[in-house]
Amino acid sequence: MLEEAGIPTIVVSTARDISAQVKAPRTAFVNAPMGNTFGRSFEHERQRAILLDALRALETVREGGTLIDLPYEWEREFELFRG
């Protein structure tokens, strides 16, 4: 309904294969473990960069179902939170 009203939307995803099947209006893929879409806790610069890249995609991606790969990689082995 948002898209029909002229309000563009984007999904930021860590599940590329699922996103490719769902075909949301726009999807930005981040190669990170599930639940860490914007990076590790307190990595403010990276989180901001991912958010800004996703928002920029709203301006450039026009074709429905488009999936773009953002250039961010998870550098270290995933560590479970043990709080």
PDB file of N, CA and C in Angstrom:
ATOM      1  N   MET A   1       0.805  -1.192   0.000  1.00  0.00           N
ATOM      2  CA  MET A   1       0.000   0.000   0.000  1.00  0.00           C
ATOM      3  C   MET A   1       0.853   1.264   0.000  1.00  0.00           C
ATOM      4  N   LEU A   2       1.985   1.216   0.678  1.00  0.00           N
ATOM      5  CA  LEU A   2       2.854   2.394   0.676  1.00  0.00           C
ATOM      6  C   LEU A   2       3.361   2.692  -0.725  1.00  0.00           C
ATOM      7  N   GLU A   3       3.826   1.644  -1.406  1.00  0.00           N
ATOM      8  CA  GLU A   3       4.335   1.829  -2.765  1.00  0.00           C
ATOM      9  C   GLU A   3       3.237   2.359  -3.682  1.00  0.00           C
ATOM     10  N   GLU A   4       2.032   1.837  -3.546  1.00  0.00           N
ATOM     11  CA  GLU A   4       0.917   2.291  -4.368  1.00  0.00           C
ATOM     12  C   GLU A   4       0.591   3.761  -4.115  1.00  0.00           C
ATOM     13  N   ALA A   5       0.886   4.225  -2.906  1.00  0.00           N
ATOM     14  CA  ALA A   5       0.643   5.623  -2.554  1.00  0.00           C
ATOM     15  C   ALA A   5       1.808   6.522  -2.964  1.00  0.00           C
ATOM     16  N   GLY A   6       2.826   5.935  -3.616  1.00  0.00           N
ATOM     17  CA  GLY A   6       3.967   6.724  -4.071  1.00  0.00           C
ATOM     18  C   GLY A   6       5.071   6.867  -3.041  1.00  0.00           C
ATOM     19  N   ILE A   7       5.009   6.078  -1.967  1.00  0.00           N
ATOM     20  CA  ILE A   7       6.053   6.116  -0.931  1.00  0.00           C
ATOM     21  C   ILE A   7       6.971   4.918  -1.147  1.00  0.00           C
ATOM     22  N   PRO A   8       8.213   5.151  -1.572  1.00  0.00           N
ATOM     23  CA  PRO A   8       9.111   4.032  -1.844  1.00  0.00           C
ATOM     24  C   PRO A   8       9.553   3.330  -0.551  1.00  0.00           C
ATOM     25  N   THR A   9       9.746   2.026  -0.652  1.00  0.00           N
ATOM     26  CA  THR A   9      10.192   1.233   0.496  1.00  0.00           C
ATOM     27  C   THR A   9      11.415   0.419   0.109  1.00  0.00           C
ATOM     28  N   ILE A  10      12.186   0.025   1.128  1.00  0.00           N
ATOM     29  CA  ILE A  10      13.339  -0.847   0.904  1.00  0.00           C
ATOM     30  C   ILE A  10      13.488  -1.768   2.104  1.00  0.00           C
ATOM     31  N   VAL A  11      13.881  -2.991   1.836  1.00  0.00           N
ATOM     32  CA  VAL A  11      14.173  -3.971   2.868  1.00  0.00           C
ATOM     33  C   VAL A  11      15.693  -4.100   2.933  1.00  0.00           C
ATOM     34  N   VAL A  12      16.266  -4.052   4.131  1.00  0.00           N
ATOM     35  CA  VAL A  12      17.684  -4.330   4.311  1.00  0.00           C
ATOM     36  C   VAL A  12      17.741  -5.745   4.879  1.00  0.00           C
ATOM     37  N   SER A  13      18.407  -6.639   4.162  1.00  0.00           N
ATOM     38  CA  SER A  13      18.324  -8.060   4.454  1.00  0.00           C
ATOM     39  C   SER A  13      19.694  -8.715   4.577  1.00  0.00           C
ATOM     40  N   THR A  14      19.746  -9.773   5.380  1.00  0.00           N
ATOM     41  CA  THR A  14      20.934 -10.618   5.460  1.00  0.00           C
ATOM     42  C   THR A  14      20.662 -11.998   4.872  1.00  0.00           C
ATOM     43  N   ALA A  15      19.496 -12.182   4.292  1.00  0.00           N
ATOM     44  CA  ALA A  15      19.108 -13.471   3.706  1.00  0.00           C
ATOM     45  C   ALA A  15      18.891 -13.280   2.208  1.00  0.00           C
ATOM     46  N   ARG A  16      19.976 -13.306   1.459  1.00  0.00           N
ATOM     47  CA  ARG A  16      19.910 -12.999   0.027  1.00  0.00           C
ATOM     48  C   ARG A  16      19.000 -13.965  -0.721  1.00  0.00           C
ATOM     49  N   ASP A  17      19.126 -15.254  -0.460  1.00  0.00           N
ATOM     50  CA  ASP A  17      18.334 -16.238  -1.201  1.00  0.00           C
ATOM     51  C   ASP A  17      16.834 -16.061  -0.945  1.00  0.00           C
ATOM     52  N   ILE A  18      16.467 -15.810   0.292  1.00  0.00           N
ATOM     53  CA  ILE A  18      15.056 -15.584   0.614  1.00  0.00           C
ATOM     54  C   ILE A  18      14.573 -14.279  -0.008  1.00  0.00           C
ATOM     55  N   SER A  19      15.379 -13.248   0.082  1.00  0.00           N
ATOM     56  CA  SER A  19      15.008 -11.950  -0.492  1.00  0.00           C
ATOM     57  C   SER A  19      14.810 -12.042  -1.997  1.00  0.00           C
ATOM     58  N   ALA A  20      15.643 -12.824  -2.672  1.00  0.00           N
ATOM     59  CA  ALA A  20      15.515 -12.979  -4.122  1.00  0.00           C
ATOM     60  C   ALA A  20      14.191 -13.637  -4.482  1.00  0.00           C
ATOM     61  N   GLN A  21      13.716 -14.526  -3.636  1.00  0.00           N
ATOM     62  CA  GLN A  21      12.442 -15.197  -3.898  1.00  0.00           C
ATOM     63  C   GLN A  21      11.244 -14.314  -3.565  1.00  0.00           C
ATOM     64  N   VAL A  22      11.346 -13.540  -2.489  1.00  0.00           N
ATOM     65  CA  VAL A  22      10.230 -12.704  -2.039  1.00  0.00           C
ATOM     66  C   VAL A  22       9.971 -11.550  -3.004  1.00  0.00           C
ATOM     67  N   LYS A  23      11.030 -10.979  -3.543  1.00  0.00           N
ATOM     68  CA  LYS A  23      10.940  -9.856  -4.485  1.00  0.00           C
ATOM     69  C   LYS A  23      10.184  -8.657  -3.917  1.00  0.00           C
ATOM     70  N   ALA A  24      10.678  -8.156  -2.786  1.00  0.00           N
ATOM     71  CA  ALA A  24      10.149  -6.896  -2.254  1.00  0.00           C
ATOM     72  C   ALA A  24      10.403  -5.804  -3.291  1.00  0.00           C
ATOM     73  N   PRO A  25       9.733  -4.664  -3.194  1.00  0.00           N
ATOM     74  CA  PRO A  25       9.962  -3.607  -4.184  1.00  0.00           C
ATOM     75  C   PRO A  25      11.437  -3.260  -4.367  1.00  0.00           C
ATOM     76  N   ARG A  26      12.186  -3.212  -3.288  1.00  0.00           N
ATOM     77  CA  ARG A  26      13.627  -2.962  -3.318  1.00  0.00           C
ATOM     78  C   ARG A  26      14.235  -3.695  -2.138  1.00  0.00           C
ATOM     79  N   THR A  27      15.372  -4.330  -2.354  1.00  0.00           N
ATOM     80  CA  THR A  27      16.074  -4.990  -1.259  1.00  0.00           C
ATOM     81  C   THR A  27      17.554  -4.656  -1.347  1.00  0.00           C
ATOM     82  N   ALA A  28      18.137  -4.296  -0.213  1.00  0.00           N
ATOM     83  CA  ALA A  28      19.578  -4.083  -0.092  1.00  0.00           C
ATOM     84  C   ALA A  28      20.118  -5.229   0.759  1.00  0.00           C
ATOM     85  N   PHE A  29      21.013  -6.032   0.184  1.00  0.00           N
ATOM     86  CA  PHE A  29      21.576  -7.178   0.885  1.00  0.00           C
ATOM     87  C   PHE A  29      22.885  -6.792   1.558  1.00  0.00           C
ATOM     88  N   VAL A  30      23.015  -7.204   2.828  1.00  0.00           N
ATOM     89  CA  VAL A  30      24.247  -7.020   3.593  1.00  0.00           C
ATOM     90  C   VAL A  30      24.739  -8.413   3.983  1.00  0.00           C
ATOM     91  N   ASN A  31      25.969  -8.738   3.641  1.00  0.00           N
ATOM     92  CA  ASN A  31      26.524 -10.051   3.935  1.00  0.00           C
ATOM     93  C   ASN A  31      26.979 -10.097   5.395  1.00  0.00           C
ATOM     94  N   ALA A  32      26.016 -10.402   6.265  1.00  0.00           N
ATOM     95  CA  ALA A  32      26.266 -10.460   7.714  1.00  0.00           C
ATOM     96  C   ALA A  32      25.354 -11.529   8.305  1.00  0.00           C
ATOM     97  N   PRO A  33      25.674 -12.019   9.496  1.00  0.00           N
ATOM     98  CA  PRO A  33      24.806 -13.011  10.132  1.00  0.00           C
ATOM     99  C   PRO A  33      23.419 -12.423  10.414  1.00  0.00           C
ATOM    100  N   MET A  34      22.414 -13.285  10.362  1.00  0.00           N
ATOM    101  CA  MET A  34      21.044 -12.834  10.656  1.00  0.00           C
ATOM    102  C   MET A  34      21.009 -12.113  11.998  1.00  0.00           C
ATOM    103  N   GLY A  35      20.209 -11.080  12.056  1.00  0.00           N
ATOM    104  CA  GLY A  35      20.090 -10.292  13.274  1.00  0.00           C
ATOM    105  C   GLY A  35      21.136  -9.202  13.394  1.00  0.00           C
ATOM    106  N   ASN A  36      22.033  -9.125  12.427  1.00  0.00           N
ATOM    107  CA  ASN A  36      23.108  -8.128  12.446  1.00  0.00           C
ATOM    108  C   ASN A  36      23.110  -7.323  11.155  1.00  0.00           C
ATOM    109  N   THR A  37      21.932  -7.000  10.688  1.00  0.00           N
ATOM    110  CA  THR A  37      21.762  -6.354   9.396  1.00  0.00           C
ATOM    111  C   THR A  37      22.590  -5.082   9.247  1.00  0.00           C
ATOM    112  N   PHE A  38      22.713  -4.324  10.313  1.00  0.00           N
ATOM    113  CA  PHE A  38      23.459  -3.064  10.242  1.00  0.00           C
ATOM    114  C   PHE A  38      24.837  -3.169  10.886  1.00  0.00           C
ATOM    115  N   GLY A  39      25.299  -4.381  11.145  1.00  0.00           N
ATOM    116  CA  GLY A  39      26.632  -4.580  11.706  1.00  0.00           C
ATOM    117  C   GLY A  39      26.601  -4.859  13.196  1.00  0.00           C
ATOM    118  N   ARG A  40      27.775  -4.877  13.771  1.00  0.00           N
ATOM    119  CA  ARG A  40      27.924  -5.151  15.197  1.00  0.00           C
ATOM    120  C   ARG A  40      27.432  -3.981  16.041  1.00  0.00           C
ATOM    121  N   SER A  41      27.087  -4.289  17.265  1.00  0.00           N
ATOM    122  CA  SER A  41      26.701  -3.245  18.215  1.00  0.00           C
ATOM    123  C   SER A  41      27.823  -2.220  18.346  1.00  0.00           C
ATOM    124  N   PHE A  42      27.444  -0.989  18.408  1.00  0.00           N
ATOM    125  CA  PHE A  42      28.336   0.146  18.646  1.00  0.00           C
ATOM    126  C   PHE A  42      29.256   0.471  17.457  1.00  0.00           C
ATOM    127  N   GLU A  43      29.077  -0.171  16.315  1.00  0.00           N
ATOM    128  CA  GLU A  43      29.831   0.212  15.115  1.00  0.00           C
ATOM    129  C   GLU A  43      29.035   1.286  14.376  1.00  0.00           C
ATOM    130  N   HIS A  44      28.984   2.437  15.006  1.00  0.00           N
ATOM    131  CA  HIS A  44      28.101   3.512  14.548  1.00  0.00           C
ATOM    132  C   HIS A  44      28.399   3.977  13.127  1.00  0.00           C
ATOM    133  N   GLU A  45      29.663   4.078  12.756  1.00  0.00           N
ATOM    134  CA  GLU A  45      30.001   4.547  11.417  1.00  0.00           C
ATOM    135  C   GLU A  45      29.505   3.567  10.357  1.00  0.00           C
ATOM    136  N   ARG A  46      29.705   2.269  10.594  1.00  0.00           N
ATOM    137  CA  ARG A  46      29.243   1.260   9.636  1.00  0.00           C
ATOM    138  C   ARG A  46      27.715   1.245   9.582  1.00  0.00           C
ATOM    139  N   GLN A  47      27.074   1.318  10.725  1.00  0.00           N
ATOM    140  CA  GLN A  47      25.610   1.308  10.767  1.00  0.00           C
ATOM    141  C   GLN A  47      25.051   2.480   9.971  1.00  0.00           C
ATOM    142  N   ARG A  48      25.650   3.628  10.156  1.00  0.00           N
ATOM    143  CA  ARG A  48      25.203   4.829   9.432  1.00  0.00           C
ATOM    144  C   ARG A  48      25.443   4.670   7.941  1.00  0.00           C
ATOM    145  N   ALA A  49      26.589   4.112   7.564  1.00  0.00           N
ATOM    146  CA  ALA A  49      26.916   3.928   6.146  1.00  0.00           C
ATOM    147  C   ALA A  49      25.922   2.979   5.474  1.00  0.00           C
ATOM    148  N   ILE A  50      25.578   1.887   6.135  1.00  0.00           N
ATOM    149  CA  ILE A  50      24.613   0.936   5.578  1.00  0.00           C
ATOM    150  C   ILE A  50      23.260   1.613   5.421  1.00  0.00           C
ATOM    151  N   LEU A  51      22.837   2.334   6.439  1.00  0.00           N
ATOM    152  CA  LEU A  51      21.551   3.035   6.373  1.00  0.00           C
ATOM    153  C   LEU A  51      21.530   4.043   5.223  1.00  0.00           C
ATOM    154  N   LEU A  52      22.585   4.834   5.095  1.00  0.00           N
ATOM    155  CA  LEU A  52      22.636   5.832   4.025  1.00  0.00           C
ATOM    156  C   LEU A  52      22.651   5.182   2.646  1.00  0.00           C
ATOM    157  N   ASP A  53      23.381   4.067   2.489  1.00  0.00           N
ATOM    158  CA  ASP A  53      23.389   3.360   1.210  1.00  0.00           C
ATOM    159  C   ASP A  53      21.998   2.825   0.867  1.00  0.00           C
ATOM    160  N   ALA A  54      21.303   2.308   1.867  1.00  0.00           N
ATOM    161  CA  ALA A  54      19.941   1.806   1.637  1.00  0.00           C
ATOM    162  C   ALA A  54      19.014   2.961   1.248  1.00  0.00           C
ATOM    163  N   LEU A  55      19.124   4.089   1.908  1.00  0.00           N
ATOM    164  CA  LEU A  55      18.286   5.239   1.575  1.00  0.00           C
ATOM    165  C   LEU A  55      18.605   5.783   0.186  1.00  0.00           C
ATOM    166  N   ARG A  56      19.882   5.770  -0.196  1.00  0.00           N
ATOM    167  CA  ARG A  56      20.254   6.215  -1.547  1.00  0.00           C
ATOM    168  C   ARG A  56      19.637   5.314  -2.607  1.00  0.00           C
ATOM    169  N   ALA A  57      19.521   4.027  -2.282  1.00  0.00           N
ATOM    170  CA  ALA A  57      18.918   3.089  -3.230  1.00  0.00           C
ATOM    171  C   ALA A  57      17.462   3.459  -3.512  1.00  0.00           C
ATOM    172  N   LEU A  58      16.805   4.081  -2.544  1.00  0.00           N
ATOM    173  CA  LEU A  58      15.430   4.534  -2.771  1.00  0.00           C
ATOM    174  C   LEU A  58      15.360   5.551  -3.909  1.00  0.00           C
ATOM    175  N   GLU A  59      16.437   6.302  -4.083  1.00  0.00           N
ATOM    176  CA  GLU A  59      16.478   7.326  -5.127  1.00  0.00           C
ATOM    177  C   GLU A  59      16.820   6.751  -6.495  1.00  0.00           C
ATOM    178  N   THR A  60      17.536   5.631  -6.524  1.00  0.00           N
ATOM    179  CA  THR A  60      18.064   5.134  -7.799  1.00  0.00           C
ATOM    180  C   THR A  60      17.367   3.882  -8.324  1.00  0.00           C
ATOM    181  N   VAL A  61      16.872   3.024  -7.453  1.00  0.00           N
ATOM    182  CA  VAL A  61      16.251   1.770  -7.891  1.00  0.00           C
ATOM    183  C   VAL A  61      14.798   2.033  -8.248  1.00  0.00           C
ATOM    184  N   ARG A  62      14.442   1.775  -9.486  1.00  0.00           N
ATOM    185  CA  ARG A  62      13.090   2.056  -9.962  1.00  0.00           C
ATOM    186  C   ARG A  62      12.299   0.788 -10.293  1.00  0.00           C
ATOM    187  N   GLU A  63      12.988  -0.295 -10.641  1.00  0.00           N
ATOM    188  CA  GLU A  63      12.305  -1.514 -11.064  1.00  0.00           C
ATOM    189  C   GLU A  63      11.948  -2.383  -9.862  1.00  0.00           C
ATOM    190  N   GLY A  64      10.684  -2.781  -9.774  1.00  0.00           N
ATOM    191  CA  GLY A  64      10.223  -3.622  -8.674  1.00  0.00           C
ATOM    192  C   GLY A  64      10.959  -4.946  -8.610  1.00  0.00           C
ATOM    193  N   GLY A  65      11.184  -5.434  -7.405  1.00  0.00           N
ATOM    194  CA  GLY A  65      11.859  -6.704  -7.208  1.00  0.00           C
ATOM    195  C   GLY A  65      13.367  -6.629  -7.289  1.00  0.00           C
ATOM    196  N   THR A  66      13.918  -5.414  -7.385  1.00  0.00           N
ATOM    197  CA  THR A  66      15.370  -5.250  -7.513  1.00  0.00           C
ATOM    198  C   THR A  66      16.069  -5.550  -6.193  1.00  0.00           C
ATOM    199  N   LEU A  67      17.147  -6.329  -6.279  1.00  0.00           N
ATOM    200  CA  LEU A  67      17.979  -6.656  -5.121  1.00  0.00           C
ATOM    201  C   LEU A  67      19.386  -6.151  -5.415  1.00  0.00           C
ATOM    202  N   ILE A  68      19.904  -5.306  -4.534  1.00  0.00           N
ATOM    203  CA  ILE A  68      21.273  -4.810  -4.707  1.00  0.00           C
ATOM    204  C   ILE A  68      22.136  -5.355  -3.581  1.00  0.00           C
ATOM    205  N   ASP A  69      23.393  -5.586  -3.880  1.00  0.00           N
ATOM    206  CA  ASP A  69      24.351  -6.056  -2.884  1.00  0.00           C
ATOM    207  C   ASP A  69      25.143  -4.863  -2.368  1.00  0.00           C
ATOM    208  N   LEU A  70      25.037  -4.603  -1.080  1.00  0.00           N
ATOM    209  CA  LEU A  70      25.841  -3.530  -0.490  1.00  0.00           C
ATOM    210  C   LEU A  70      27.245  -4.084  -0.221  1.00  0.00           C
ATOM    211  N   PRO A  71      28.267  -3.228  -0.257  1.00  0.00           N
ATOM    212  CA  PRO A  71      29.663  -3.693  -0.221  1.00  0.00           C
ATOM    213  C   PRO A  71      30.213  -3.953   1.183  1.00  0.00           C
ATOM    214  N   TYR A  72      29.407  -4.472   2.066  1.00  0.00           N
ATOM    215  CA  TYR A  72      29.859  -4.685   3.441  1.00  0.00           C
ATOM    216  C   TYR A  72      30.002  -6.173   3.713  1.00  0.00           C
ATOM    217  N   GLU A  73      31.088  -6.549   4.349  1.00  0.00           N
ATOM    218  CA  GLU A  73      31.371  -7.945   4.686  1.00  0.00           C
ATOM    219  C   GLU A  73      31.558  -8.064   6.186  1.00  0.00           C
ATOM    220  N   TRP A  74      31.177  -9.191   6.713  1.00  0.00           N
ATOM    221  CA  TRP A  74      31.395  -9.502   8.126  1.00  0.00           C
ATOM    222  C   TRP A  74      32.832  -9.991   8.239  1.00  0.00           C
ATOM    223  N   GLU A  75      33.701  -9.255   8.921  1.00  0.00           N
ATOM    224  CA  GLU A  75      35.134  -9.548   8.901  1.00  0.00           C
ATOM    225  C   GLU A  75      35.569 -10.692   9.816  1.00  0.00           C
ATOM    226  N   ARG A  76      34.911 -10.847  10.939  1.00  0.00           N
ATOM    227  CA  ARG A  76      35.360 -11.833  11.921  1.00  0.00           C
ATOM    228  C   ARG A  76      34.344 -12.954  12.051  1.00  0.00           C
ATOM    229  N   GLU A  77      34.768 -14.019  12.700  1.00  0.00           N
ATOM    230  CA  GLU A  77      33.854 -15.113  12.968  1.00  0.00           C
ATOM    231  C   GLU A  77      32.725 -14.609  13.864  1.00  0.00           C
ATOM    232  N   PHE A  78      31.523 -15.094  13.616  1.00  0.00           N
ATOM    233  CA  PHE A  78      30.369 -14.670  14.395  1.00  0.00           C
ATOM    234  C   PHE A  78      30.489 -15.158  15.829  1.00  0.00           C
ATOM    235  N   GLU A  79      30.233 -14.273  16.767  1.00  0.00           N
ATOM    236  CA  GLU A  79      30.298 -14.609  18.192  1.00  0.00           C
ATOM    237  C   GLU A  79      28.911 -14.458  18.800  1.00  0.00           C
ATOM    238  N   LEU A  80      28.448 -15.484  19.470  1.00  0.00           N
ATOM    239  CA  LEU A  80      27.145 -15.421  20.126  1.00  0.00           C
ATOM    240  C   LEU A  80      27.238 -14.517  21.353  1.00  0.00           C
ATOM    241  N   PHE A  81      26.172 -13.777  21.587  1.00  0.00           N
ATOM    242  CA  PHE A  81      26.089 -12.933  22.787  1.00  0.00           C
ATOM    243  C   PHE A  81      25.747 -13.823  23.979  1.00  0.00           C
ATOM    244  N   ARG A  82      26.513 -13.731  24.992  1.00  0.00           N
ATOM    245  CA  ARG A  82      26.274 -14.526  26.203  1.00  0.00           C
ATOM    246  C   ARG A  82      26.114 -13.571  27.378  1.00  0.00           C
ATOM    247  N   GLY A  83      24.917 -12.991  27.490  1.00  0.00           N
ATOM    248  CA  GLY A  83      24.670 -11.950  28.470  1.00  0.00           C
ATOM    249  C   GLY A  83      24.322 -12.375  29.833  1.00  0.00           C
TER     250      GLY A  83
END
